[in-house]
Each structure stands twice: as C-alpha cells, then as structure tokens.
Amino acid sequence: MLDAAISRRVGRKMEFPDRITLPLAEGVLARIDALLEPGEPRLDLIREAIERELLARATAKARQRQAEARLKS
C-alpha cells in the first residue's frame, strides 16, 4: 500500500501535456536554428511564435467583432 502511494507522487507534473507532430517545409528547421540564441532550445522559439500568432489572431478577431457591432448599431 505504501509503494502505491509513493509511486503516484514520483516525478514532476508534465509541463506540456499536449503533443503534436508538425511537418515543416524543407529548410524551415535550418532557418529556425540560424536564429536561435546560444543555448536556446528550438522548441522555445516555436512555442513563443505560436503564442504570438494566437494573440495576434485573437486580437484581430476581437476588433472584427467590435467593428461588426458598431455597424449593427
């Protein structure tokens, strides 16, 4: 019983539980690698780029909704 309790607590919580396989066009990884800072993981750049794009799209969508609401009123 003690072993079961311990094994459930071992390890750390997975920081990024969602995983995808991302096919990229030829040369994209080389372009990414060329722009990385020394010691910077490639995935950090990819995650940051995705977050920036999500924010930009959410902002654009919100502005579009506001513009549509003004036209209706």
PDB file of N, CA and C in Angstrom:
ATOM      1  N   MET A   1       0.830  -1.191   0.000  1.00  0.00           N
ATOM      2  CA  MET A   1       0.000   0.000   0.000  1.00  0.00           C
ATOM      3  C   MET A   1       0.875   1.256   0.000  1.00  0.00           C
ATOM      4  N   LEU A   2       1.917   1.244   0.770  1.00  0.00           N
ATOM      5  CA  LEU A   2       2.827   2.387   0.814  1.00  0.00           C
ATOM      6  C   LEU A   2       3.495   2.605  -0.536  1.00  0.00           C
ATOM      7  N   ASP A   3       3.884   1.510  -1.200  1.00  0.00           N
ATOM      8  CA  ASP A   3       4.514   1.619  -2.515  1.00  0.00           C
ATOM      9  C   ASP A   3       3.604   2.313  -3.518  1.00  0.00           C
ATOM     10  N   ALA A   4       2.318   2.003  -3.494  1.00  0.00           N
ATOM     11  CA  ALA A   4       1.361   2.618  -4.418  1.00  0.00           C
ATOM     12  C   ALA A   4       1.240   4.109  -4.150  1.00  0.00           C
ATOM     13  N   ALA A   5       1.232   4.505  -2.894  1.00  0.00           N
ATOM     14  CA  ALA A   5       1.121   5.917  -2.546  1.00  0.00           C
ATOM     15  C   ALA A   5       2.358   6.684  -2.999  1.00  0.00           C
ATOM     16  N   ILE A   6       3.505   6.082  -2.842  1.00  0.00           N
ATOM     17  CA  ILE A   6       4.747   6.737  -3.242  1.00  0.00           C
ATOM     18  C   ILE A   6       4.837   6.849  -4.760  1.00  0.00           C
ATOM     19  N   SER A   7       4.500   5.778  -5.472  1.00  0.00           N
ATOM     20  CA  SER A   7       4.645   5.795  -6.927  1.00  0.00           C
ATOM     21  C   SER A   7       3.747   6.837  -7.580  1.00  0.00           C
ATOM     22  N   ARG A   8       2.626   7.182  -6.980  1.00  0.00           N
ATOM     23  CA  ARG A   8       1.748   8.198  -7.552  1.00  0.00           C
ATOM     24  C   ARG A   8       2.349   9.601  -7.414  1.00  0.00           C
ATOM     25  N   ARG A   9       3.252   9.786  -6.489  1.00  0.00           N
ATOM     26  CA  ARG A   9       3.830  11.096  -6.252  1.00  0.00           C
ATOM     27  C   ARG A   9       5.191  11.278  -6.907  1.00  0.00           C
ATOM     28  N   VAL A  10       5.751  10.241  -7.468  1.00  0.00           N
ATOM     29  CA  VAL A  10       7.092  10.299  -8.037  1.00  0.00           C
ATOM     30  C   VAL A  10       7.060  11.060  -9.364  1.00  0.00           C
ATOM     31  N   GLY A  11       8.076  11.829  -9.599  1.00  0.00           N
ATOM     32  CA  GLY A  11       8.168  12.585 -10.845  1.00  0.00           C
ATOM     33  C   GLY A  11       7.551  13.962 -10.709  1.00  0.00           C
ATOM     34  N   ARG A  12       7.667  14.702 -11.775  1.00  0.00           N
ATOM     35  CA  ARG A  12       7.093  16.046 -11.750  1.00  0.00           C
ATOM     36  C   ARG A  12       5.956  16.130 -12.763  1.00  0.00           C
ATOM     37  N   LYS A  13       5.120  17.113 -12.568  1.00  0.00           N
ATOM     38  CA  LYS A  13       3.984  17.307 -13.458  1.00  0.00           C
ATOM     39  C   LYS A  13       4.501  17.676 -14.846  1.00  0.00           C
ATOM     40  N   MET A  14       3.907  17.065 -15.873  1.00  0.00           N
ATOM     41  CA  MET A  14       4.313  17.350 -17.239  1.00  0.00           C
ATOM     42  C   MET A  14       3.941  18.794 -17.583  1.00  0.00           C
ATOM     43  N   GLU A  15       4.922  19.584 -17.981  1.00  0.00           N
ATOM     44  CA  GLU A  15       4.692  20.998 -18.271  1.00  0.00           C
ATOM     45  C   GLU A  15       3.906  21.193 -19.560  1.00  0.00           C
ATOM     46  N   PHE A  16       4.149  20.361 -20.558  1.00  0.00           N
ATOM     47  CA  PHE A  16       3.479  20.475 -21.853  1.00  0.00           C
ATOM     48  C   PHE A  16       2.823  19.140 -22.191  1.00  0.00           C
ATOM     49  N   PRO A  17       1.612  18.883 -21.659  1.00  0.00           N
ATOM     50  CA  PRO A  17       0.990  17.575 -21.870  1.00  0.00           C
ATOM     51  C   PRO A  17       0.490  17.340 -23.296  1.00  0.00           C
ATOM     52  N   ASP A  18       0.156  18.386 -24.019  1.00  0.00           N
ATOM     53  CA  ASP A  18      -0.318  18.215 -25.395  1.00  0.00           C
ATOM     54  C   ASP A  18       0.875  18.123 -26.340  1.00  0.00           C
ATOM     55  N   ARG A  19       0.810  17.162 -27.241  1.00  0.00           N
ATOM     56  CA  ARG A  19       1.907  16.941 -28.184  1.00  0.00           C
ATOM     57  C   ARG A  19       1.353  16.896 -29.590  1.00  0.00           C
ATOM     58  N   ILE A  20       2.132  17.407 -30.547  1.00  0.00           N
ATOM     59  CA  ILE A  20       1.770  17.325 -31.956  1.00  0.00           C
ATOM     60  C   ILE A  20       2.999  16.940 -32.759  1.00  0.00           C
ATOM     61  N   THR A  21       2.761  16.370 -33.914  1.00  0.00           N
ATOM     62  CA  THR A  21       3.821  16.159 -34.887  1.00  0.00           C
ATOM     63  C   THR A  21       3.605  17.222 -35.941  1.00  0.00           C
ATOM     64  N   LEU A  22       4.609  18.013 -36.185  1.00  0.00           N
ATOM     65  CA  LEU A  22       4.463  19.168 -37.049  1.00  0.00           C
ATOM     66  C   LEU A  22       5.329  19.038 -38.289  1.00  0.00           C
ATOM     67  N   PRO A  23       4.727  18.675 -39.418  1.00  0.00           N
ATOM     68  CA  PRO A  23       5.519  18.624 -40.647  1.00  0.00           C
ATOM     69  C   PRO A  23       5.861  20.057 -41.086  1.00  0.00           C
ATOM     70  N   LEU A  24       7.093  20.282 -41.422  1.00  0.00           N
ATOM     71  CA  LEU A  24       7.538  21.609 -41.849  1.00  0.00           C
ATOM     72  C   LEU A  24       8.129  21.532 -43.249  1.00  0.00           C
ATOM     73  N   ALA A  25       8.026  22.643 -43.954  1.00  0.00           N
ATOM     74  CA  ALA A  25       8.608  22.713 -45.292  1.00  0.00           C
ATOM     75  C   ALA A  25      10.123  22.565 -45.190  1.00  0.00           C
ATOM     76  N   GLU A  26      10.701  22.101 -46.260  1.00  0.00           N
ATOM     77  CA  GLU A  26      12.151  21.914 -46.302  1.00  0.00           C
ATOM     78  C   GLU A  26      12.860  23.235 -46.006  1.00  0.00           C
ATOM     79  N   GLY A  27      13.832  23.174 -45.130  1.00  0.00           N
ATOM     80  CA  GLY A  27      14.636  24.342 -44.815  1.00  0.00           C
ATOM     81  C   GLY A  27      14.149  25.149 -43.629  1.00  0.00           C
ATOM     82  N   VAL A  28      12.926  24.886 -43.139  1.00  0.00           N
ATOM     83  CA  VAL A  28      12.394  25.682 -42.030  1.00  0.00           C
ATOM     84  C   VAL A  28      13.212  25.466 -40.761  1.00  0.00           C
ATOM     85  N   LEU A  29      13.551  24.228 -40.460  1.00  0.00           N
ATOM     86  CA  LEU A  29      14.348  23.986 -39.251  1.00  0.00           C
ATOM     87  C   LEU A  29      15.711  24.661 -39.330  1.00  0.00           C
ATOM     88  N   ALA A  30      16.308  24.680 -40.485  1.00  0.00           N
ATOM     89  CA  ALA A  30      17.599  25.363 -40.644  1.00  0.00           C
ATOM     90  C   ALA A  30      17.444  26.862 -40.403  1.00  0.00           C
ATOM     91  N   ARG A  31      16.338  27.438 -40.881  1.00  0.00           N
ATOM     92  CA  ARG A  31      16.086  28.873 -40.664  1.00  0.00           C
ATOM     93  C   ARG A  31      15.881  29.159 -39.181  1.00  0.00           C
ATOM     94  N   ILE A  32      15.131  28.277 -38.507  1.00  0.00           N
ATOM     95  CA  ILE A  32      14.914  28.442 -37.071  1.00  0.00           C
ATOM     96  C   ILE A  32      16.246  28.347 -36.334  1.00  0.00           C
ATOM     97  N   ASP A  33      17.008  27.308 -36.624  1.00  0.00           N
ATOM     98  CA  ASP A  33      18.289  27.098 -35.950  1.00  0.00           C
ATOM     99  C   ASP A  33      19.235  28.277 -36.151  1.00  0.00           C
ATOM    100  N   ALA A  34      19.192  28.895 -37.309  1.00  0.00           N
ATOM    101  CA  ALA A  34      20.068  30.034 -37.594  1.00  0.00           C
ATOM    102  C   ALA A  34      19.726  31.251 -36.730  1.00  0.00           C
ATOM    103  N   LEU A  35      18.496  31.314 -36.233  1.00  0.00           N
ATOM    104  CA  LEU A  35      18.058  32.472 -35.461  1.00  0.00           C
ATOM    105  C   LEU A  35      18.065  32.250 -33.945  1.00  0.00           C
ATOM    106  N   LEU A  36      18.350  31.045 -33.524  1.00  0.00           N
ATOM    107  CA  LEU A  36      18.366  30.757 -32.095  1.00  0.00           C
ATOM    108  C   LEU A  36      19.547  31.418 -31.403  1.00  0.00           C
ATOM    109  N   GLU A  37      19.297  31.851 -30.179  1.00  0.00           N
ATOM    110  CA  GLU A  37      20.386  32.358 -29.337  1.00  0.00           C
ATOM    111  C   GLU A  37      21.186  31.150 -28.844  1.00  0.00           C
ATOM    112  N   PRO A  38      22.450  31.333 -28.491  1.00  0.00           N
ATOM    113  CA  PRO A  38      23.235  30.206 -27.977  1.00  0.00           C
ATOM    114  C   PRO A  38      22.550  29.573 -26.764  1.00  0.00           C
ATOM    115  N   GLY A  39      22.357  28.267 -26.808  1.00  0.00           N
ATOM    116  CA  GLY A  39      21.734  27.547 -25.708  1.00  0.00           C
ATOM    117  C   GLY A  39      20.212  27.577 -25.703  1.00  0.00           C
ATOM    118  N   GLU A  40      19.612  28.318 -26.617  1.00  0.00           N
ATOM    119  CA  GLU A  40      18.144  28.402 -26.663  1.00  0.00           C
ATOM    120  C   GLU A  40      17.575  27.158 -27.345  1.00  0.00           C
ATOM    121  N   PRO A  41      16.649  26.483 -26.683  1.00  0.00           N
ATOM    122  CA  PRO A  41      16.039  25.312 -27.319  1.00  0.00           C
ATOM    123  C   PRO A  41      15.137  25.720 -28.486  1.00  0.00           C
ATOM    124  N   ARG A  42      15.174  24.944 -29.542  1.00  0.00           N
ATOM    125  CA  ARG A  42      14.345  25.194 -30.723  1.00  0.00           C
ATOM    126  C   ARG A  42      12.862  25.285 -30.338  1.00  0.00           C
ATOM    127  N   LEU A  43      12.437  24.413 -29.449  1.00  0.00           N
ATOM    128  CA  LEU A  43      11.025  24.399 -29.061  1.00  0.00           C
ATOM    129  C   LEU A  43      10.581  25.690 -28.379  1.00  0.00           C
ATOM    130  N   ASP A  44      11.477  26.353 -27.673  1.00  0.00           N
ATOM    131  CA  ASP A  44      11.116  27.631 -27.062  1.00  0.00           C
ATOM    132  C   ASP A  44      10.728  28.645 -28.131  1.00  0.00           C
ATOM    133  N   LEU A  45      11.511  28.720 -29.188  1.00  0.00           N
ATOM    134  CA  LEU A  45      11.202  29.649 -30.275  1.00  0.00           C
ATOM    135  C   LEU A  45       9.862  29.286 -30.921  1.00  0.00           C
ATOM    136  N   ILE A  46       9.631  28.013 -31.156  1.00  0.00           N
ATOM    137  CA  ILE A  46       8.391  27.573 -31.797  1.00  0.00           C
ATOM    138  C   ILE A  46       7.193  27.874 -30.902  1.00  0.00           C
ATOM    139  N   ARG A  47       7.300  27.570 -29.612  1.00  0.00           N
ATOM    140  CA  ARG A  47       6.192  27.850 -28.688  1.00  0.00           C
ATOM    141  C   ARG A  47       5.902  29.346 -28.618  1.00  0.00           C
ATOM    142  N   GLU A  48       6.936  30.172 -28.538  1.00  0.00           N
ATOM    143  CA  GLU A  48       6.745  31.626 -28.481  1.00  0.00           C
ATOM    144  C   GLU A  48       6.098  32.148 -29.757  1.00  0.00           C
ATOM    145  N   ALA A  49       6.517  31.627 -30.900  1.00  0.00           N
ATOM    146  CA  ALA A  49       5.928  32.054 -32.170  1.00  0.00           C
ATOM    147  C   ALA A  49       4.450  31.682 -32.241  1.00  0.00           C
ATOM    148  N   ILE A  50       4.110  30.509 -31.771  1.00  0.00           N
ATOM    149  CA  ILE A  50       2.708  30.091 -31.765  1.00  0.00           C
ATOM    150  C   ILE A  50       1.898  30.987 -30.841  1.00  0.00           C
ATOM    151  N   GLU A  51       2.412  31.270 -29.653  1.00  0.00           N
ATOM    152  CA  GLU A  51       1.700  32.145 -28.716  1.00  0.00           C
ATOM    153  C   GLU A  51       1.491  33.539 -29.302  1.00  0.00           C
ATOM    154  N   ARG A  52       2.509  34.096 -29.958  1.00  0.00           N
ATOM    155  CA  ARG A  52       2.367  35.420 -30.596  1.00  0.00           C
ATOM    156  C   ARG A  52       1.283  35.400 -31.665  1.00  0.00           C
ATOM    157  N   GLU A  53       1.270  34.352 -32.482  1.00  0.00           N
ATOM    158  CA  GLU A  53       0.276  34.246 -33.549  1.00  0.00           C
ATOM    159  C   GLU A  53      -1.134  34.086 -32.979  1.00  0.00           C
ATOM    160  N   LEU A  54      -1.271  33.292 -31.934  1.00  0.00           N
ATOM    161  CA  LEU A  54      -2.580  33.139 -31.297  1.00  0.00           C
ATOM    162  C   LEU A  54      -3.081  34.467 -30.740  1.00  0.00           C
ATOM    163  N   LEU A  55      -2.212  35.213 -30.095  1.00  0.00           N
ATOM    164  CA  LEU A  55      -2.580  36.518 -29.558  1.00  0.00           C
ATOM    165  C   LEU A  55      -2.979  37.478 -30.679  1.00  0.00           C
ATOM    166  N   ALA A  56      -2.193  37.499 -31.755  1.00  0.00           N
ATOM    167  CA  ALA A  56      -2.497  38.385 -32.883  1.00  0.00           C
ATOM    168  C   ALA A  56      -3.853  38.039 -33.497  1.00  0.00           C
ATOM    169  N   ARG A  57      -4.126  36.763 -33.660  1.00  0.00           N
ATOM    170  CA  ARG A  57      -5.408  36.358 -34.252  1.00  0.00           C
ATOM    171  C   ARG A  57      -6.578  36.648 -33.319  1.00  0.00           C
ATOM    172  N   ALA A  58      -6.393  36.427 -32.037  1.00  0.00           N
ATOM    173  CA  ALA A  58      -7.459  36.729 -31.074  1.00  0.00           C
ATOM    174  C   ALA A  58      -7.750  38.228 -31.055  1.00  0.00           C
ATOM    175  N   THR A  59      -6.712  39.045 -31.106  1.00  0.00           N
ATOM    176  CA  THR A  59      -6.878  40.495 -31.133  1.00  0.00           C
ATOM    177  C   THR A  59      -7.605  40.932 -32.400  1.00  0.00           C
ATOM    178  N   ALA A  60      -7.206  40.387 -33.540  1.00  0.00           N
ATOM    179  CA  ALA A  60      -7.848  40.728 -34.809  1.00  0.00           C
ATOM    180  C   ALA A  60      -9.317  40.314 -34.798  1.00  0.00           C
ATOM    181  N   LYS A  61      -9.599  39.158 -34.251  1.00  0.00           N
ATOM    182  CA  LYS A  61     -10.983  38.674 -34.195  1.00  0.00           C
ATOM    183  C   LYS A  61     -11.831  39.577 -33.295  1.00  0.00           C
ATOM    184  N   ALA A  62     -11.272  39.992 -32.168  1.00  0.00           N
ATOM    185  CA  ALA A  62     -11.995  40.884 -31.257  1.00  0.00           C
ATOM    186  C   ALA A  62     -12.272  42.228 -31.928  1.00  0.00           C
ATOM    187  N   ARG A  63     -11.308  42.759 -32.652  1.00  0.00           N
ATOM    188  CA  ARG A  63     -11.511  44.030 -33.372  1.00  0.00           C
ATOM    189  C   ARG A  63     -12.579  43.883 -34.441  1.00  0.00           C
ATOM    190  N   GLN A  64     -12.582  42.747 -35.120  1.00  0.00           N
ATOM    191  CA  GLN A  64     -13.584  42.492 -36.154  1.00  0.00           C
ATOM    192  C   GLN A  64     -14.981  42.447 -35.541  1.00  0.00           C
ATOM    193  N   ARG A  65     -15.122  41.791 -34.403  1.00  0.00           N
ATOM    194  CA  ARG A  65     -16.419  41.732 -33.725  1.00  0.00           C
ATOM    195  C   ARG A  65     -16.877  43.118 -33.301  1.00  0.00           C
ATOM    196  N   GLN A  66     -15.938  43.943 -32.801  1.00  0.00           N
ATOM    197  CA  GLN A  66     -16.283  45.304 -32.397  1.00  0.00           C
ATOM    198  C   GLN A  66     -16.745  46.119 -33.606  1.00  0.00           C
ATOM    199  N   ALA A  67     -16.060  45.990 -34.706  1.00  0.00           N
ATOM    200  CA  ALA A  67     -16.439  46.721 -35.917  1.00  0.00           C
ATOM    201  C   ALA A  67     -17.810  46.275 -36.403  1.00  0.00           C
ATOM    202  N   GLU A  68     -18.081  44.989 -36.379  1.00  0.00           N
ATOM    203  CA  GLU A  68     -19.391  44.470 -36.790  1.00  0.00           C
ATOM    204  C   GLU A  68     -20.494  44.957 -35.853  1.00  0.00           C
ATOM    205  N   ALA A  69     -20.205  45.033 -34.561  1.00  0.00           N
ATOM    206  CA  ALA A  69     -21.171  45.506 -33.598  1.00  0.00           C
ATOM    207  C   ALA A  69     -21.490  46.987 -33.842  1.00  0.00           C
ATOM    208  N   ARG A  70     -20.487  47.788 -34.190  1.00  0.00           N
ATOM    209  CA  ARG A  70     -20.722  49.207 -34.474  1.00  0.00           C
ATOM    210  C   ARG A  70     -21.592  49.389 -35.715  1.00  0.00           C
ATOM    211  N   LEU A  71     -21.379  48.531 -36.712  1.00  0.00           N
ATOM    212  CA  LEU A  71     -22.162  48.620 -37.940  1.00  0.00           C
ATOM    213  C   LEU A  71     -23.626  48.263 -37.699  1.00  0.00           C
ATOM    214  N   LYS A  72     -23.878  47.346 -36.778  1.00  0.00           N
ATOM    215  CA  LYS A  72     -25.237  46.921 -36.476  1.00  0.00           C
ATOM    216  C   LYS A  72     -25.991  47.958 -35.657  1.00  0.00           C
ATOM    217  N   SER A  73     -25.277  48.793 -34.909  1.00  0.00           N
ATOM    218  CA  SER A  73     -25.957  49.765 -34.038  1.00  0.00           C
ATOM    219  C   SER A  73     -26.183  51.092 -34.707  1.00  0.00           C
TER     220      SER A  73
END
